[in-house]
Amino acid sequence: MLFATYVAVTVATIAANAGIAVADFLKARFVLANSAEVGLAPSWLPHLGALKAAGAAGLLLGLAGVPYIGVAAAAGLVLFFAGAVAAHVRARVFHNLAFPGGYLALAVASLVLAAAR
């Protein structure tokens, strides 16, 4: 049961991060608008997208049998999205705080389940 939960949550986290990384790389309109609200220059988007994509790839490696990489990737995503939540709070942008908060929750769940494995 724990393994099935680990796989389901990790696959959801991989999909969410891969999807938002693509949006960052493409500089999607909603990404640009959100970035502007929190004071992030558009030039940062490819770098942030790369970090999200690396996190997704690391989680995938964790599922494929390299558990330490999966744990490290999940920890990295937790730190990344904690920073995103902090950036929203610092900029007083609360209306869409659920987005980085949701990604943070997925990353935390993936980390807890990967570490318990």
N, C-alpha and C. Protein backbone atom coordinates (compact mmCIF):
# COMPACT_ATOMS: atom_id res chain seq x y z
N MET A 1 0.83 -1.20 0.00
CA MET A 1 0.00 0.00 0.00
C MET A 1 0.86 1.25 0.00
N LEU A 2 1.91 1.28 0.84
CA LEU A 2 2.78 2.45 0.90
C LEU A 2 3.49 2.65 -0.43
N PHE A 3 3.92 1.54 -1.07
CA PHE A 3 4.62 1.67 -2.35
C PHE A 3 3.69 2.23 -3.41
N ALA A 4 2.45 1.78 -3.44
CA ALA A 4 1.50 2.29 -4.43
C ALA A 4 1.24 3.78 -4.21
N THR A 5 1.15 4.19 -2.96
CA THR A 5 0.96 5.61 -2.66
C THR A 5 2.18 6.40 -3.09
N TYR A 6 3.36 5.88 -2.79
CA TYR A 6 4.61 6.52 -3.20
C TYR A 6 4.64 6.71 -4.72
N VAL A 7 4.31 5.68 -5.46
CA VAL A 7 4.34 5.75 -6.92
C VAL A 7 3.32 6.77 -7.41
N ALA A 8 2.10 6.73 -6.89
CA ALA A 8 1.04 7.64 -7.36
C ALA A 8 1.39 9.10 -7.08
N VAL A 9 1.84 9.37 -5.88
CA VAL A 9 2.18 10.75 -5.52
C VAL A 9 3.39 11.23 -6.30
N THR A 10 4.38 10.38 -6.46
CA THR A 10 5.59 10.77 -7.18
C THR A 10 5.30 10.99 -8.66
N VAL A 11 4.48 10.15 -9.25
CA VAL A 11 4.11 10.34 -10.66
C VAL A 11 3.35 11.66 -10.82
N ALA A 12 2.47 11.98 -9.88
CA ALA A 12 1.74 13.26 -9.94
C ALA A 12 2.72 14.43 -9.81
N THR A 13 3.70 14.30 -8.94
CA THR A 13 4.69 15.36 -8.75
C THR A 13 5.55 15.52 -10.00
N ILE A 14 5.93 14.41 -10.60
CA ILE A 14 6.71 14.45 -11.84
C ILE A 14 5.91 15.16 -12.93
N ALA A 15 4.67 14.77 -13.11
CA ALA A 15 3.83 15.36 -14.16
C ALA A 15 3.63 16.85 -13.94
N ALA A 16 3.35 17.24 -12.69
CA ALA A 16 3.12 18.65 -12.38
C ALA A 16 4.37 19.48 -12.66
N ASN A 17 5.52 18.99 -12.24
CA ASN A 17 6.76 19.75 -12.42
C ASN A 17 7.22 19.75 -13.87
N ALA A 18 7.05 18.66 -14.57
CA ALA A 18 7.40 18.63 -15.99
C ALA A 18 6.51 19.60 -16.76
N GLY A 19 5.22 19.62 -16.42
CA GLY A 19 4.30 20.52 -17.10
C GLY A 19 4.62 21.99 -16.87
N ILE A 20 4.90 22.36 -15.63
CA ILE A 20 5.19 23.76 -15.34
C ILE A 20 6.58 24.14 -15.86
N ALA A 21 7.49 23.19 -15.95
CA ALA A 21 8.80 23.47 -16.55
C ALA A 21 8.64 23.83 -18.02
N VAL A 22 7.79 23.08 -18.72
CA VAL A 22 7.53 23.39 -20.13
C VAL A 22 6.91 24.78 -20.26
N ALA A 23 5.98 25.10 -19.37
CA ALA A 23 5.37 26.44 -19.39
C ALA A 23 6.42 27.51 -19.15
N ASP A 24 7.36 27.25 -18.26
CA ASP A 24 8.46 28.20 -18.02
C ASP A 24 9.32 28.36 -19.27
N PHE A 25 9.68 27.26 -19.90
CA PHE A 25 10.53 27.32 -21.10
C PHE A 25 9.84 28.07 -22.23
N LEU A 26 8.53 27.88 -22.34
CA LEU A 26 7.77 28.54 -23.40
C LEU A 26 7.36 29.96 -23.03
N LYS A 27 7.65 30.36 -21.80
CA LYS A 27 7.25 31.68 -21.28
C LYS A 27 5.76 31.92 -21.51
N ALA A 28 4.99 30.96 -21.03
CA ALA A 28 3.53 31.04 -21.16
C ALA A 28 3.01 32.32 -20.51
N ARG A 29 1.92 32.82 -21.05
CA ARG A 29 1.38 34.09 -20.59
C ARG A 29 1.11 34.10 -19.09
N PHE A 30 0.52 33.02 -18.57
CA PHE A 30 0.22 32.98 -17.13
C PHE A 30 1.50 32.96 -16.29
N VAL A 31 2.54 32.35 -16.82
CA VAL A 31 3.82 32.32 -16.10
C VAL A 31 4.43 33.72 -16.07
N LEU A 32 4.40 34.40 -17.19
CA LEU A 32 4.92 35.77 -17.25
C LEU A 32 4.15 36.70 -16.32
N ALA A 33 2.82 36.55 -16.29
CA ALA A 33 2.00 37.40 -15.42
C ALA A 33 2.31 37.14 -13.95
N ASN A 34 2.40 35.87 -13.59
CA ASN A 34 2.70 35.52 -12.20
C ASN A 34 4.09 36.01 -11.81
N SER A 35 5.05 35.83 -12.69
CA SER A 35 6.41 36.27 -12.42
C SER A 35 6.47 37.77 -12.20
N ALA A 36 5.77 38.51 -13.03
CA ALA A 36 5.75 39.96 -12.90
C ALA A 36 5.14 40.38 -11.56
N GLU A 37 4.11 39.68 -11.13
CA GLU A 37 3.47 40.03 -9.85
C GLU A 37 4.41 39.87 -8.67
N VAL A 38 5.26 38.86 -8.71
CA VAL A 38 6.17 38.64 -7.58
C VAL A 38 7.53 39.29 -7.79
N GLY A 39 7.69 40.03 -8.89
CA GLY A 39 8.91 40.77 -9.12
C GLY A 39 10.05 39.95 -9.70
N LEU A 40 9.74 38.91 -10.43
CA LEU A 40 10.75 38.04 -11.03
C LEU A 40 10.94 38.41 -12.50
N ALA A 41 12.16 38.66 -12.89
CA ALA A 41 12.45 39.01 -14.28
C ALA A 41 12.23 37.80 -15.18
N PRO A 42 11.68 38.02 -16.38
CA PRO A 42 11.46 36.90 -17.31
C PRO A 42 12.74 36.14 -17.67
N SER A 43 13.88 36.78 -17.55
CA SER A 43 15.14 36.11 -17.88
C SER A 43 15.45 34.94 -16.93
N TRP A 44 14.79 34.90 -15.78
CA TRP A 44 14.99 33.80 -14.83
C TRP A 44 14.20 32.55 -15.20
N LEU A 45 13.19 32.68 -16.04
CA LEU A 45 12.29 31.55 -16.31
C LEU A 45 12.99 30.31 -16.86
N PRO A 46 13.89 30.42 -17.81
CA PRO A 46 14.55 29.18 -18.27
C PRO A 46 15.34 28.48 -17.16
N HIS A 47 15.94 29.26 -16.28
CA HIS A 47 16.71 28.67 -15.18
C HIS A 47 15.78 27.96 -14.19
N LEU A 48 14.67 28.61 -13.88
CA LEU A 48 13.71 28.00 -12.96
C LEU A 48 13.06 26.77 -13.59
N GLY A 49 12.78 26.86 -14.89
CA GLY A 49 12.24 25.69 -15.60
C GLY A 49 13.22 24.53 -15.57
N ALA A 50 14.50 24.83 -15.71
CA ALA A 50 15.52 23.78 -15.67
C ALA A 50 15.56 23.11 -14.31
N LEU A 51 15.42 23.90 -13.25
CA LEU A 51 15.40 23.31 -11.90
C LEU A 51 14.19 22.41 -11.70
N LYS A 52 13.04 22.84 -12.18
CA LYS A 52 11.83 22.01 -12.06
C LYS A 52 11.96 20.74 -12.89
N ALA A 53 12.50 20.87 -14.10
CA ALA A 53 12.69 19.69 -14.95
C ALA A 53 13.70 18.73 -14.33
N ALA A 54 14.75 19.27 -13.73
CA ALA A 54 15.74 18.41 -13.06
C ALA A 54 15.11 17.69 -11.88
N GLY A 55 14.25 18.38 -11.15
CA GLY A 55 13.55 17.74 -10.04
C GLY A 55 12.67 16.60 -10.53
N ALA A 56 11.94 16.85 -11.61
CA ALA A 56 11.08 15.80 -12.17
C ALA A 56 11.92 14.61 -12.64
N ALA A 57 13.03 14.90 -13.30
CA ALA A 57 13.91 13.81 -13.77
C ALA A 57 14.50 13.03 -12.61
N GLY A 58 14.88 13.72 -11.55
CA GLY A 58 15.41 13.04 -10.37
C GLY A 58 14.37 12.16 -9.70
N LEU A 59 13.14 12.65 -9.64
CA LEU A 59 12.07 11.82 -9.07
C LEU A 59 11.85 10.57 -9.93
N LEU A 60 11.93 10.75 -11.24
CA LEU A 60 11.78 9.60 -12.14
C LEU A 60 12.90 8.59 -11.92
N LEU A 61 14.12 9.08 -11.73
CA LEU A 61 15.22 8.16 -11.43
C LEU A 61 14.99 7.44 -10.11
N GLY A 62 14.40 8.15 -9.14
CA GLY A 62 14.07 7.50 -7.87
C GLY A 62 13.08 6.36 -8.06
N LEU A 63 12.09 6.59 -8.91
CA LEU A 63 11.12 5.52 -9.21
C LEU A 63 11.78 4.36 -9.95
N ALA A 64 12.79 4.70 -10.76
CA ALA A 64 13.45 3.68 -11.58
C ALA A 64 14.48 2.86 -10.81
N GLY A 65 14.66 3.16 -9.52
CA GLY A 65 15.55 2.33 -8.73
C GLY A 65 16.78 3.01 -8.17
N VAL A 66 16.84 4.32 -8.26
CA VAL A 66 17.97 5.05 -7.67
C VAL A 66 17.38 5.93 -6.55
N PRO A 67 17.08 5.31 -5.41
CA PRO A 67 16.31 6.01 -4.37
C PRO A 67 16.96 7.27 -3.82
N TYR A 68 18.28 7.30 -3.72
CA TYR A 68 18.93 8.49 -3.16
C TYR A 68 18.76 9.70 -4.07
N ILE A 69 18.77 9.47 -5.36
CA ILE A 69 18.53 10.57 -6.31
C ILE A 69 17.08 11.06 -6.16
N GLY A 70 16.16 10.13 -5.99
CA GLY A 70 14.76 10.52 -5.81
C GLY A 70 14.55 11.35 -4.55
N VAL A 71 15.18 10.96 -3.47
CA VAL A 71 15.08 11.71 -2.21
C VAL A 71 15.71 13.09 -2.38
N ALA A 72 16.88 13.14 -3.01
CA ALA A 72 17.55 14.43 -3.22
C ALA A 72 16.71 15.35 -4.11
N ALA A 73 16.11 14.79 -5.15
CA ALA A 73 15.27 15.58 -6.05
C ALA A 73 14.05 16.12 -5.31
N ALA A 74 13.42 15.27 -4.51
CA ALA A 74 12.25 15.71 -3.74
C ALA A 74 12.64 16.81 -2.76
N ALA A 75 13.78 16.65 -2.10
CA ALA A 75 14.25 17.68 -1.16
C ALA A 75 14.53 18.99 -1.89
N GLY A 76 15.12 18.90 -3.06
CA GLY A 76 15.38 20.10 -3.85
C GLY A 76 14.10 20.80 -4.25
N LEU A 77 13.09 20.03 -4.64
CA LEU A 77 11.81 20.63 -5.00
C LEU A 77 11.11 21.25 -3.78
N VAL A 78 11.26 20.63 -2.63
CA VAL A 78 10.70 21.23 -1.40
C VAL A 78 11.33 22.59 -1.17
N LEU A 79 12.65 22.67 -1.25
CA LEU A 79 13.33 23.95 -1.06
C LEU A 79 12.93 24.97 -2.13
N PHE A 80 12.84 24.53 -3.37
CA PHE A 80 12.47 25.42 -4.46
C PHE A 80 11.10 26.02 -4.22
N PHE A 81 10.11 25.18 -3.92
CA PHE A 81 8.75 25.70 -3.77
C PHE A 81 8.53 26.40 -2.44
N ALA A 82 9.32 26.09 -1.42
CA ALA A 82 9.29 26.90 -0.20
C ALA A 82 9.74 28.32 -0.54
N GLY A 83 10.75 28.42 -1.39
CA GLY A 83 11.20 29.73 -1.85
C GLY A 83 10.14 30.44 -2.68
N ALA A 84 9.41 29.69 -3.50
CA ALA A 84 8.34 30.29 -4.30
C ALA A 84 7.22 30.82 -3.41
N VAL A 85 6.86 30.04 -2.40
CA VAL A 85 5.84 30.51 -1.45
C VAL A 85 6.34 31.76 -0.75
N ALA A 86 7.59 31.76 -0.32
CA ALA A 86 8.16 32.93 0.35
C ALA A 86 8.16 34.14 -0.56
N ALA A 87 8.45 33.94 -1.85
CA ALA A 87 8.44 35.07 -2.80
C ALA A 87 7.04 35.64 -2.94
N HIS A 88 6.03 34.78 -2.96
CA HIS A 88 4.65 35.26 -3.03
C HIS A 88 4.27 36.04 -1.77
N VAL A 89 4.66 35.52 -0.62
CA VAL A 89 4.34 36.20 0.65
C VAL A 89 5.08 37.53 0.71
N ARG A 90 6.34 37.55 0.36
CA ARG A 90 7.13 38.78 0.38
C ARG A 90 6.51 39.85 -0.50
N ALA A 91 6.02 39.43 -1.68
CA ALA A 91 5.41 40.37 -2.62
C ALA A 91 3.94 40.64 -2.30
N ARG A 92 3.44 39.97 -1.28
CA ARG A 92 2.03 40.09 -0.88
C ARG A 92 1.07 39.72 -2.01
N VAL A 93 1.44 38.67 -2.72
CA VAL A 93 0.61 38.13 -3.79
C VAL A 93 -0.02 36.85 -3.24
N PHE A 94 -1.20 37.02 -2.68
CA PHE A 94 -1.86 35.90 -1.99
C PHE A 94 -2.95 35.24 -2.84
N HIS A 95 -3.42 35.91 -3.86
CA HIS A 95 -4.57 35.38 -4.61
C HIS A 95 -4.26 34.09 -5.35
N ASN A 96 -3.00 33.84 -5.64
CA ASN A 96 -2.65 32.59 -6.31
C ASN A 96 -1.60 31.79 -5.54
N LEU A 97 -1.56 31.99 -4.26
CA LEU A 97 -0.61 31.28 -3.40
C LEU A 97 -0.84 29.77 -3.42
N ALA A 98 -2.04 29.36 -3.78
CA ALA A 98 -2.35 27.92 -3.83
C ALA A 98 -1.50 27.19 -4.87
N PHE A 99 -1.06 27.89 -5.92
CA PHE A 99 -0.26 27.21 -6.94
C PHE A 99 1.10 26.80 -6.41
N PRO A 100 1.94 27.72 -5.94
CA PRO A 100 3.20 27.23 -5.38
C PRO A 100 2.98 26.37 -4.14
N GLY A 101 1.91 26.66 -3.40
CA GLY A 101 1.61 25.84 -2.23
C GLY A 101 1.25 24.41 -2.60
N GLY A 102 0.53 24.24 -3.69
CA GLY A 102 0.19 22.90 -4.17
C GLY A 102 1.41 22.13 -4.63
N TYR A 103 2.28 22.81 -5.36
CA TYR A 103 3.52 22.17 -5.79
C TYR A 103 4.39 21.82 -4.58
N LEU A 104 4.40 22.71 -3.59
CA LEU A 104 5.15 22.43 -2.37
C LEU A 104 4.58 21.21 -1.66
N ALA A 105 3.27 21.11 -1.57
CA ALA A 105 2.64 19.96 -0.92
C ALA A 105 2.99 18.66 -1.64
N LEU A 106 2.96 18.68 -2.97
CA LEU A 106 3.34 17.48 -3.72
C LEU A 106 4.80 17.11 -3.46
N ALA A 107 5.67 18.11 -3.44
CA ALA A 107 7.09 17.84 -3.20
C ALA A 107 7.31 17.28 -1.80
N VAL A 108 6.63 17.86 -0.80
CA VAL A 108 6.77 17.36 0.57
C VAL A 108 6.26 15.92 0.66
N ALA A 109 5.12 15.65 0.06
CA ALA A 109 4.58 14.28 0.08
C ALA A 109 5.54 13.32 -0.60
N SER A 110 6.10 13.72 -1.73
CA SER A 110 7.06 12.86 -2.43
C SER A 110 8.30 12.61 -1.58
N LEU A 111 8.76 13.65 -0.90
CA LEU A 111 9.94 13.50 -0.04
C LEU A 111 9.65 12.55 1.11
N VAL A 112 8.56 12.75 1.79
CA VAL A 112 8.21 11.89 2.94
C VAL A 112 8.07 10.43 2.48
N LEU A 113 7.38 10.22 1.38
CA LEU A 113 7.17 8.84 0.92
C LEU A 113 8.45 8.22 0.38
N ALA A 114 9.29 9.01 -0.28
CA ALA A 114 10.57 8.47 -0.77
C ALA A 114 11.48 8.12 0.38
N ALA A 115 11.50 8.95 1.41
CA ALA A 115 12.36 8.70 2.57
C ALA A 115 11.87 7.51 3.39
N ALA A 116 10.56 7.27 3.38
CA ALA A 116 9.99 6.15 4.14
C ALA A 116 10.17 4.82 3.43
N ARG A 117 10.53 4.89 2.20
CA ARG A 117 10.66 3.69 1.37
C ARG A 117 11.78 2.80 1.79
